[in-house]
Amino acid sequence: MATAREACTAACNSAGFCCNTNSGGCQLMTCTAGCLMAWYAASQSDCEAQCVAGNDAGCYYTHEPSGVVFDNCRGPEDCGCPAEGDAGYDENNQWGTSNDCGSGVGCTKGCALAGSLFGVSFYGRRLSAEELTAAAEAQSGNVAILSGAMEALSAHVGGRTVLSDEELATLVEEQFIPYTSGERAGVRALPFPPSSSSPIPVVLSHPPLPLPPSSSRSHSPFPL
């Protein structure tokens, strides 16, 4: 499972908005900006109100709850859209087919998409039984992968088997790292133990990390 903002931004991209950093253009907040605002907002209407404030701010808008500064006077490449020569580049839709720059609805679309993402809870939405089951199954599979990796490493350290440098690197890259990433994402979708004061499952226990500076052109800027 992806982190909350990754999942929301992927939904934005599928909807035709191509930005995926904290930069935008035309002095307008982008769809992925709406995803970040949704994480801190109490409701979709609260999120949309923050979008309006950002659109009215001009080139720079500081989102106080997260401390993120949005730079909305940049080009499409700075916001993460494909540059000329990159896969997916469209000369006629450099800001995406839904136009992250100029449509004026990108940010509010992010607010709306956030509320309906499978397996991710924004605005305090309670996950369905199906979503919780999917998260638990993903976590269970990761535990099995880690167990096998630890057994292989233990045998190597104990001298029962000898792994080459290449095999050790593969063990880390294909088993330890994916498990760690999956566990961090999966645990966000699981409810905390019920208590008399908080009977409703609480999900996504940590806000998304800030994105790289606008000078970065990474098309996958979200840390796991």
C-alpha atoms as a PDB file:
ATOM      1  CA  MET A   1       0.000   0.000   0.000  1.00  0.00           C
ATOM      2  CA  ALA A   2       1.241   3.455  -0.815  1.00  0.00           C
ATOM      3  CA  THR A   3       1.521   6.268   1.672  1.00  0.00           C
ATOM      4  CA  ALA A   4      -1.504   8.516   1.894  1.00  0.00           C
ATOM      5  CA  ARG A   5      -0.300  11.301  -0.341  1.00  0.00           C
ATOM      6  CA  GLU A   6       1.221   8.908  -2.865  1.00  0.00           C
ATOM      7  CA  ALA A   7      -2.114   7.163  -3.226  1.00  0.00           C
ATOM      8  CA  CYS A   8      -3.990  10.435  -3.564  1.00  0.00           C
ATOM      9  CA  THR A   9      -1.487  11.854  -6.056  1.00  0.00           C
ATOM     10  CA  ALA A  10      -1.705   8.668  -8.120  1.00  0.00           C
ATOM     11  CA  ALA A  11      -5.468   9.241  -8.258  1.00  0.00           C
ATOM     12  CA  CYS A  12      -4.825  12.833  -9.372  1.00  0.00           C
ATOM     13  CA  ASN A  13      -2.518  11.607 -12.125  1.00  0.00           C
ATOM     14  CA  SER A  14      -5.129   9.079 -13.264  1.00  0.00           C
ATOM     15  CA  ALA A  15      -7.642  11.931 -13.403  1.00  0.00           C
ATOM     16  CA  GLY A  16      -5.386  13.899 -15.763  1.00  0.00           C
ATOM     17  CA  PHE A  17      -3.476  16.137 -13.329  1.00  0.00           C
ATOM     18  CA  CYS A  18       0.255  15.524 -13.731  1.00  0.00           C
ATOM     19  CA  CYS A  19       1.917  17.538 -10.943  1.00  0.00           C
ATOM     20  CA  ASN A  20       3.449  15.572  -8.070  1.00  0.00           C
ATOM     21  CA  THR A  21       5.612  18.051  -6.142  1.00  0.00           C
ATOM     22  CA  ASN A  22       4.951  21.177  -4.067  1.00  0.00           C
ATOM     23  CA  SER A  23       5.246  23.369  -7.160  1.00  0.00           C
ATOM     24  CA  GLY A  24       2.588  24.499  -9.582  1.00  0.00           C
ATOM     25  CA  GLY A  25       1.869  27.176 -12.148  1.00  0.00           C
ATOM     26  CA  CYS A  26      -0.557  29.976 -12.961  1.00  0.00           C
ATOM     27  CA  GLN A  27      -0.636  30.925  -9.260  1.00  0.00           C
ATOM     28  CA  LEU A  28      -2.968  27.998  -8.603  1.00  0.00           C
ATOM     29  CA  MET A  29      -2.826  25.102  -6.173  1.00  0.00           C
ATOM     30  CA  THR A  30      -2.501  21.693  -7.819  1.00  0.00           C
ATOM     31  CA  CYS A  31      -4.370  18.434  -7.323  1.00  0.00           C
ATOM     32  CA  THR A  32      -1.511  16.921  -5.304  1.00  0.00           C
ATOM     33  CA  ALA A  33      -1.506  20.058  -3.135  1.00  0.00           C
ATOM     34  CA  GLY A  34      -5.123  19.236  -2.352  1.00  0.00           C
ATOM     35  CA  CYS A  35      -3.983  15.785  -1.275  1.00  0.00           C
ATOM     36  CA  LEU A  36      -1.643  17.269   1.316  1.00  0.00           C
ATOM     37  CA  MET A  37      -4.264  19.698   2.546  1.00  0.00           C
ATOM     38  CA  ALA A  38      -6.789  16.882   2.841  1.00  0.00           C
ATOM     39  CA  TRP A  39      -4.449  15.042   5.194  1.00  0.00           C
ATOM     40  CA  TYR A  40      -4.563  17.908   7.693  1.00  0.00           C
ATOM     41  CA  ALA A  41      -8.184  18.962   7.101  1.00  0.00           C
ATOM     42  CA  ALA A  42     -11.115  17.933   9.273  1.00  0.00           C
ATOM     43  CA  SER A  43     -13.454  17.676   6.292  1.00  0.00           C
ATOM     44  CA  GLN A  44     -13.568  18.034   2.526  1.00  0.00           C
ATOM     45  CA  SER A  45     -15.085  21.511   2.846  1.00  0.00           C
ATOM     46  CA  ASP A  46     -12.218  22.512   5.154  1.00  0.00           C
ATOM     47  CA  CYS A  47      -9.747  21.214   2.583  1.00  0.00           C
ATOM     48  CA  GLU A  48     -11.459  23.135  -0.216  1.00  0.00           C
ATOM     49  CA  ALA A  49     -11.369  26.332   1.847  1.00  0.00           C
ATOM     50  CA  GLN A  50      -7.596  25.938   2.165  1.00  0.00           C
ATOM     51  CA  CYS A  51      -7.396  25.516  -1.617  1.00  0.00           C
ATOM     52  CA  VAL A  52      -9.206  28.824  -2.071  1.00  0.00           C
ATOM     53  CA  ALA A  53      -6.784  30.519   0.322  1.00  0.00           C
ATOM     54  CA  GLY A  54      -3.852  29.073  -1.608  1.00  0.00           C
ATOM     55  CA  ASN A  55      -5.247  30.186  -4.959  1.00  0.00           C
ATOM     56  CA  ASP A  56      -5.710  33.711  -3.588  1.00  0.00           C
ATOM     57  CA  ALA A  57      -2.156  33.897  -2.242  1.00  0.00           C
ATOM     58  CA  GLY A  58      -0.317  34.401  -5.533  1.00  0.00           C
ATOM     59  CA  CYS A  59       2.992  32.702  -6.215  1.00  0.00           C
ATOM     60  CA  TYR A  60       3.695  31.454  -2.693  1.00  0.00           C
ATOM     61  CA  TYR A  61       1.390  29.945  -0.132  1.00  0.00           C
ATOM     62  CA  THR A  62       2.463  28.647   3.268  1.00  0.00           C
ATOM     63  CA  HIS A  63       0.233  25.856   4.520  1.00  0.00           C
ATOM     64  CA  GLU A  64       0.436  26.468   8.256  1.00  0.00           C
ATOM     65  CA  PRO A  65      -0.583  23.003   9.537  1.00  0.00           C
ATOM     66  CA  SER A  66       2.235  21.284   7.622  1.00  0.00           C
ATOM     67  CA  GLY A  67       4.709  24.138   7.260  1.00  0.00           C
ATOM     68  CA  VAL A  68       4.942  23.389   3.529  1.00  0.00           C
ATOM     69  CA  VAL A  69       5.497  26.360   1.221  1.00  0.00           C
ATOM     70  CA  PHE A  70       3.867  25.921  -2.182  1.00  0.00           C
ATOM     71  CA  ASP A  71       5.548  27.661  -5.131  1.00  0.00           C
ATOM     72  CA  ASN A  72       2.874  28.182  -7.753  1.00  0.00           C
ATOM     73  CA  CYS A  73       4.766  30.238 -10.321  1.00  0.00           C
ATOM     74  CA  ARG A  74       6.830  27.460 -11.858  1.00  0.00           C
ATOM     75  CA  GLY A  75       6.834  25.488 -15.103  1.00  0.00           C
ATOM     76  CA  PRO A  76       5.331  22.041 -15.673  1.00  0.00           C
ATOM     77  CA  GLU A  77       8.693  20.282 -15.389  1.00  0.00           C
ATOM     78  CA  ASP A  78       9.227  21.748 -11.911  1.00  0.00           C
ATOM     79  CA  CYS A  79       5.905  20.382 -10.708  1.00  0.00           C
ATOM     80  CA  GLY A  80       6.712  16.854 -11.865  1.00  0.00           C
ATOM     81  CA  CYS A  81       4.915  16.751 -15.212  1.00  0.00           C
ATOM     82  CA  PRO A  82       6.811  14.959 -18.002  1.00  0.00           C
ATOM     83  CA  ALA A  83       9.347  17.191 -19.733  1.00  0.00           C
ATOM     84  CA  GLU A  84       9.989  17.160 -23.462  1.00  0.00           C
ATOM     85  CA  GLY A  85      11.659  13.863 -24.289  1.00  0.00           C
ATOM     86  CA  ASP A  86      10.224  12.107 -21.228  1.00  0.00           C
ATOM     87  CA  ALA A  87       7.707   9.288 -21.422  1.00  0.00           C
ATOM     88  CA  GLY A  88       4.190  10.686 -21.299  1.00  0.00           C
ATOM     89  CA  TYR A  89       5.126  14.141 -22.574  1.00  0.00           C
ATOM     90  CA  ASP A  90       2.264  15.801 -24.453  1.00  0.00           C
ATOM     91  CA  GLU A  91       3.076  19.081 -26.155  1.00  0.00           C
ATOM     92  CA  ASN A  92      -0.585  20.059 -26.163  1.00  0.00           C
ATOM     93  CA  ASN A  93      -1.201  19.111 -22.524  1.00  0.00           C
ATOM     94  CA  GLN A  94       1.998  19.947 -20.682  1.00  0.00           C
ATOM     95  CA  TRP A  95       0.074  20.328 -17.411  1.00  0.00           C
ATOM     96  CA  GLY A  96      -1.947  17.170 -17.923  1.00  0.00           C
ATOM     97  CA  THR A  97      -5.201  16.652 -19.773  1.00  0.00           C
ATOM     98  CA  SER A  98      -7.137  18.066 -16.804  1.00  0.00           C
ATOM     99  CA  ASN A  99      -4.734  21.031 -16.609  1.00  0.00           C
ATOM    100  CA  ASP A 100      -3.090  21.532 -13.217  1.00  0.00           C
ATOM    101  CA  CYS A 101      -2.312  25.078 -14.401  1.00  0.00           C
ATOM    102  CA  GLY A 102      -5.276  27.125 -15.497  1.00  0.00           C
ATOM    103  CA  SER A 103      -8.276  24.961 -14.705  1.00  0.00           C
ATOM    104  CA  GLY A 104      -8.506  26.255 -11.147  1.00  0.00           C
ATOM    105  CA  VAL A 105     -10.075  23.020  -9.923  1.00  0.00           C
ATOM    106  CA  GLY A 106      -6.983  20.876  -9.370  1.00  0.00           C
ATOM    107  CA  CYS A 107      -6.687  21.427  -5.634  1.00  0.00           C
ATOM    108  CA  THR A 108     -10.369  20.885  -4.869  1.00  0.00           C
ATOM    109  CA  LYS A 109     -10.286  17.749  -7.017  1.00  0.00           C
ATOM    110  CA  GLY A 110      -7.482  16.467  -4.777  1.00  0.00           C
ATOM    111  CA  CYS A 111      -9.677  17.156  -1.748  1.00  0.00           C
ATOM    112  CA  ALA A 112     -12.490  15.136  -3.310  1.00  0.00           C
ATOM    113  CA  LEU A 113     -10.311  12.230  -4.430  1.00  0.00           C
ATOM    114  CA  ALA A 114      -8.762  11.920  -0.969  1.00  0.00           C
ATOM    115  CA  GLY A 115     -12.107  11.081   0.576  1.00  0.00           C
ATOM    116  CA  SER A 116     -12.712   7.989  -1.539  1.00  0.00           C
ATOM    117  CA  LEU A 117      -9.336   6.221  -1.685  1.00  0.00           C
ATOM    118  CA  PHE A 118      -9.409   2.494  -0.993  1.00  0.00           C
ATOM    119  CA  GLY A 119      -7.466   1.543   2.112  1.00  0.00           C
ATOM    120  CA  VAL A 120      -6.584   5.108   3.097  1.00  0.00           C
ATOM    121  CA  SER A 121      -8.545   7.252   5.521  1.00  0.00           C
ATOM    122  CA  PHE A 122      -8.807  11.007   5.161  1.00  0.00           C
ATOM    123  CA  TYR A 123     -11.250  13.199   7.116  1.00  0.00           C
ATOM    124  CA  GLY A 124     -11.650  10.506   9.768  1.00  0.00           C
ATOM    125  CA  ARG A 125     -13.408   8.094   7.403  1.00  0.00           C
ATOM    126  CA  ARG A 126     -13.789   4.660   8.949  1.00  0.00           C
ATOM    127  CA  LEU A 127     -12.290   1.939   6.768  1.00  0.00           C
ATOM    128  CA  SER A 128     -14.587  -0.826   5.583  1.00  0.00           C
ATOM    129  CA  ALA A 129     -14.149  -4.454   6.583  1.00  0.00           C
ATOM    130  CA  GLU A 130     -12.869  -5.145   3.068  1.00  0.00           C
ATOM    131  CA  GLU A 131     -10.201  -2.453   3.378  1.00  0.00           C
ATOM    132  CA  LEU A 132      -9.059  -3.663   6.792  1.00  0.00           C
ATOM    133  CA  THR A 133      -8.880  -7.242   5.542  1.00  0.00           C
ATOM    134  CA  ALA A 134      -6.763  -6.197   2.557  1.00  0.00           C
ATOM    135  CA  ALA A 135      -4.377  -4.304   4.830  1.00  0.00           C
ATOM    136  CA  ALA A 136      -4.063  -7.231   7.224  1.00  0.00           C
ATOM    137  CA  GLU A 137      -3.393  -9.661   4.371  1.00  0.00           C
ATOM    138  CA  ALA A 138      -0.696  -7.413   2.931  1.00  0.00           C
ATOM    139  CA  GLN A 139       0.964  -7.126   6.324  1.00  0.00           C
ATOM    140  CA  SER A 140       0.802 -10.897   6.862  1.00  0.00           C
ATOM    141  CA  GLY A 141       2.528 -11.506   3.538  1.00  0.00           C
ATOM    142  CA  ASN A 142       5.280  -9.067   4.432  1.00  0.00           C
ATOM    143  CA  VAL A 143       5.889 -10.843   7.742  1.00  0.00           C
ATOM    144  CA  ALA A 144       6.410 -14.133   5.888  1.00  0.00           C
ATOM    145  CA  ILE A 145       8.871 -12.474   3.504  1.00  0.00           C
ATOM    146  CA  LEU A 146      10.840 -10.952   6.365  1.00  0.00           C
ATOM    147  CA  SER A 147      10.901 -14.251   8.247  1.00  0.00           C
ATOM    148  CA  GLY A 148      12.430 -16.007   5.246  1.00  0.00           C
ATOM    149  CA  ALA A 149      14.977 -13.253   4.745  1.00  0.00           C
ATOM    150  CA  MET A 150      16.012 -13.347   8.411  1.00  0.00           C
ATOM    151  CA  GLU A 151      16.410 -17.121   8.270  1.00  0.00           C
ATOM    152  CA  ALA A 152      18.676 -16.842   5.217  1.00  0.00           C
ATOM    153  CA  LEU A 153      20.737 -14.108   6.850  1.00  0.00           C
ATOM    154  CA  SER A 154      21.005 -16.060  10.108  1.00  0.00           C
ATOM    155  CA  ALA A 155      22.325 -19.084   8.223  1.00  0.00           C
ATOM    156  CA  HIS A 156      24.903 -16.874   6.522  1.00  0.00           C
ATOM    157  CA  VAL A 157      26.045 -15.222   9.764  1.00  0.00           C
ATOM    158  CA  GLY A 158      26.164 -18.590  11.537  1.00  0.00           C
ATOM    159  CA  GLY A 159      28.304 -20.102   8.808  1.00  0.00           C
ATOM    160  CA  ARG A 160      25.732 -22.708   7.791  1.00  0.00           C
ATOM    161  CA  THR A 161      25.574 -21.208   4.317  1.00  0.00           C
ATOM    162  CA  VAL A 162      27.623 -18.588   2.503  1.00  0.00           C
ATOM    163  CA  LEU A 163      25.886 -15.863   0.540  1.00  0.00           C
ATOM    164  CA  SER A 164      27.763 -13.901  -2.086  1.00  0.00           C
ATOM    165  CA  ASP A 165      27.824 -10.104  -2.030  1.00  0.00           C
ATOM    166  CA  GLU A 166      25.301 -10.132  -4.859  1.00  0.00           C
ATOM    167  CA  GLU A 167      22.993 -12.481  -2.953  1.00  0.00           C
ATOM    168  CA  LEU A 168      23.245 -10.321   0.172  1.00  0.00           C
ATOM    169  CA  ALA A 169      22.431  -7.195  -1.832  1.00  0.00           C
ATOM    170  CA  THR A 170      19.436  -8.942  -3.386  1.00  0.00           C
ATOM    171  CA  LEU A 171      18.267 -10.057   0.049  1.00  0.00           C
ATOM    172  CA  VAL A 172      18.272  -6.484   1.306  1.00  0.00           C
ATOM    173  CA  GLU A 173      16.822  -4.844  -1.799  1.00  0.00           C
ATOM    174  CA  GLU A 174      14.122  -7.387  -2.602  1.00  0.00           C
ATOM    175  CA  GLN A 175      13.092  -8.609   0.848  1.00  0.00           C
ATOM    176  CA  PHE A 176      14.117  -6.366   3.749  1.00  0.00           C
ATOM    177  CA  ILE A 177      13.383  -3.034   2.061  1.00  0.00           C
ATOM    178  CA  PRO A 178      10.004  -4.023   0.522  1.00  0.00           C
ATOM    179  CA  TYR A 179       8.896  -5.500   3.851  1.00  0.00           C
ATOM    180  CA  THR A 180       9.837  -2.354   5.761  1.00  0.00           C
ATOM    181  CA  SER A 181       8.018  -0.125   3.280  1.00  0.00           C
ATOM    182  CA  GLY A 182       4.955  -2.344   3.209  1.00  0.00           C
ATOM    183  CA  GLU A 183       4.796  -2.633   6.979  1.00  0.00           C
ATOM    184  CA  ARG A 184       4.957   1.119   7.442  1.00  0.00           C
ATOM    185  CA  ALA A 185       2.182   1.664   4.930  1.00  0.00           C
ATOM    186  CA  GLY A 186       0.089  -1.281   6.059  1.00  0.00           C
ATOM    187  CA  VAL A 187       0.101  -0.369   9.723  1.00  0.00           C
ATOM    188  CA  ARG A 188      -1.433   2.988   8.876  1.00  0.00           C
ATOM    189  CA  ALA A 189      -4.548   1.226   7.671  1.00  0.00           C
ATOM    190  CA  LEU A 190      -5.021  -0.900  10.779  1.00  0.00           C
ATOM    191  CA  PRO A 191      -7.097   0.329  13.730  1.00  0.00           C
ATOM    192  CA  PHE A 192      -5.560   0.990  17.088  1.00  0.00           C
ATOM    193  CA  PRO A 193      -6.782  -1.283  19.904  1.00  0.00           C
ATOM    194  CA  PRO A 194     -10.315  -0.186  20.846  1.00  0.00           C
ATOM    195  CA  SER A 195     -10.828   1.753  24.029  1.00  0.00           C
ATOM    196  CA  SER A 196     -13.788   3.283  25.785  1.00  0.00           C
ATOM    197  CA  SER A 197     -12.615   6.746  24.777  1.00  0.00           C
ATOM    198  CA  SER A 198     -11.833   5.932  21.144  1.00  0.00           C
ATOM    199  CA  PRO A 199     -14.050   3.139  19.808  1.00  0.00           C
ATOM    200  CA  ILE A 200     -13.650   4.070  16.149  1.00  0.00           C
ATOM    201  CA  PRO A 201     -10.506   2.857  14.346  1.00  0.00           C
ATOM    202  CA  VAL A 202      -7.906   5.538  13.865  1.00  0.00           C
ATOM    203  CA  VAL A 203      -5.831   5.222  10.711  1.00  0.00           C
ATOM    204  CA  LEU A 204      -2.854   6.834   9.027  1.00  0.00           C
ATOM    205  CA  SER A 205      -1.054   7.742  12.209  1.00  0.00           C
ATOM    206  CA  HIS A 206       1.547  10.060  10.695  1.00  0.00           C
ATOM    207  CA  PRO A 207       1.192  12.930   8.210  1.00  0.00           C
ATOM    208  CA  PRO A 208       2.974  12.621   4.860  1.00  0.00           C
ATOM    209  CA  LEU A 209       6.529  13.877   4.676  1.00  0.00           C
ATOM    210  CA  PRO A 210       7.165  17.192   2.869  1.00  0.00           C
ATOM    211  CA  LEU A 211       8.158  16.827  -0.745  1.00  0.00           C
ATOM    212  CA  PRO A 212      11.562  17.784  -2.198  1.00  0.00           C
ATOM    213  CA  PRO A 213      12.266  21.427  -3.117  1.00  0.00           C
ATOM    214  CA  SER A 214      10.748  22.659  -6.357  1.00  0.00           C
ATOM    215  CA  SER A 215      14.149  22.459  -8.051  1.00  0.00           C
ATOM    216  CA  SER A 216      13.870  18.668  -7.918  1.00  0.00           C
ATOM    217  CA  ARG A 217      12.371  17.039 -10.985  1.00  0.00           C
ATOM    218  CA  SER A 218      11.846  13.614  -9.531  1.00  0.00           C
ATOM    219  CA  HIS A 219       8.724  11.973 -10.889  1.00  0.00           C
ATOM    220  CA  SER A 220       8.443   9.797  -7.775  1.00  0.00           C
ATOM    221  CA  PRO A 221       9.158  12.281  -4.960  1.00  0.00           C
ATOM    222  CA  PHE A 222       7.261  10.634  -2.144  1.00  0.00           C
ATOM    223  CA  PRO A 223       9.431   8.884   0.435  1.00  0.00           C
ATOM    224  CA  LEU A 224       8.168   5.552   1.722  1.00  0.00           C
END
